[in-house]
Amino acid sequence: MDKKAKLEKEIAELEKKMEKDHFGGLFDRTTQKRNMNRLQKLRKELENLTKKGKK
């Protein structure tokens, strides 16, 4: 599996997990924030890979 596909899969899994645990974030803000930060980092990394691929 190439790096781009791996990132896309991880992003999808994290989004699914966050959606499922929507109300859990009300009680555990630290985990919710950590997941959001991880998701932003993965999206940015995927964006950078996409840009490199187009050049």
Protein backbone atom coordinates (compact mmCIF):
# COMPACT_ATOMS: atom_id res chain seq x y z
CA MET A 1 0.00 0.00 0.00
CA ASP A 2 1.43 3.37 -0.95
CA LYS A 3 1.71 6.24 1.50
CA LYS A 4 -1.16 8.24 0.00
CA ALA A 5 -3.61 5.34 0.27
CA LYS A 6 -2.46 4.64 3.81
CA LEU A 7 -3.09 8.27 4.82
CA GLU A 8 -6.52 8.29 3.19
CA LYS A 9 -7.47 5.11 5.04
CA GLU A 10 -6.22 6.45 8.38
CA ILE A 11 -8.11 9.73 7.87
CA ALA A 12 -11.32 7.85 7.08
CA GLU A 13 -10.96 5.65 10.16
CA LEU A 14 -10.28 8.63 12.42
CA GLU A 15 -13.27 10.56 11.03
CA LYS A 16 -15.48 7.52 11.55
CA LYS A 17 -14.22 7.12 15.12
CA MET A 18 -14.82 10.79 15.91
CA GLU A 19 -18.30 10.71 14.40
CA LYS A 20 -19.18 7.63 16.44
CA ASP A 21 -17.82 9.19 19.65
CA HIS A 22 -19.54 12.54 19.11
CA PHE A 23 -21.06 12.77 22.59
CA GLY A 24 -18.04 11.18 24.25
CA GLY A 25 -16.15 14.38 23.48
CA LEU A 26 -18.34 16.20 25.96
CA PHE A 27 -16.78 14.22 28.77
CA ASP A 28 -13.28 13.62 27.46
CA ARG A 29 -12.11 16.86 25.84
CA THR A 30 -8.44 15.84 25.83
CA THR A 31 -9.01 12.80 23.63
CA GLN A 32 -11.32 14.76 21.33
CA LYS A 33 -8.72 17.52 20.90
CA ARG A 34 -5.92 14.99 20.30
CA ASN A 35 -7.99 13.30 17.59
CA MET A 36 -8.76 16.64 15.92
CA ASN A 37 -5.08 17.59 15.91
CA ARG A 38 -4.11 14.20 14.46
CA LEU A 39 -6.77 14.56 11.77
CA GLN A 40 -5.51 18.02 10.79
CA LYS A 41 -1.93 16.76 10.62
CA LEU A 42 -2.90 13.81 8.43
CA ARG A 43 -4.91 16.00 6.06
CA LYS A 44 -2.02 18.43 5.71
CA GLU A 45 0.43 15.59 5.03
CA LEU A 46 -1.95 14.17 2.40
CA GLU A 47 -2.25 17.61 0.81
CA ASN A 48 1.53 17.93 0.63
CA LEU A 49 1.84 14.49 -0.99
CA THR A 50 -0.81 15.43 -3.53
CA LYS A 51 1.01 18.66 -4.39
CA LYS A 52 4.30 16.80 -4.86
CA GLY A 53 2.60 14.28 -7.11
CA LYS A 54 1.29 17.01 -9.43
CA LYS A 55 4.70 18.66 -9.93
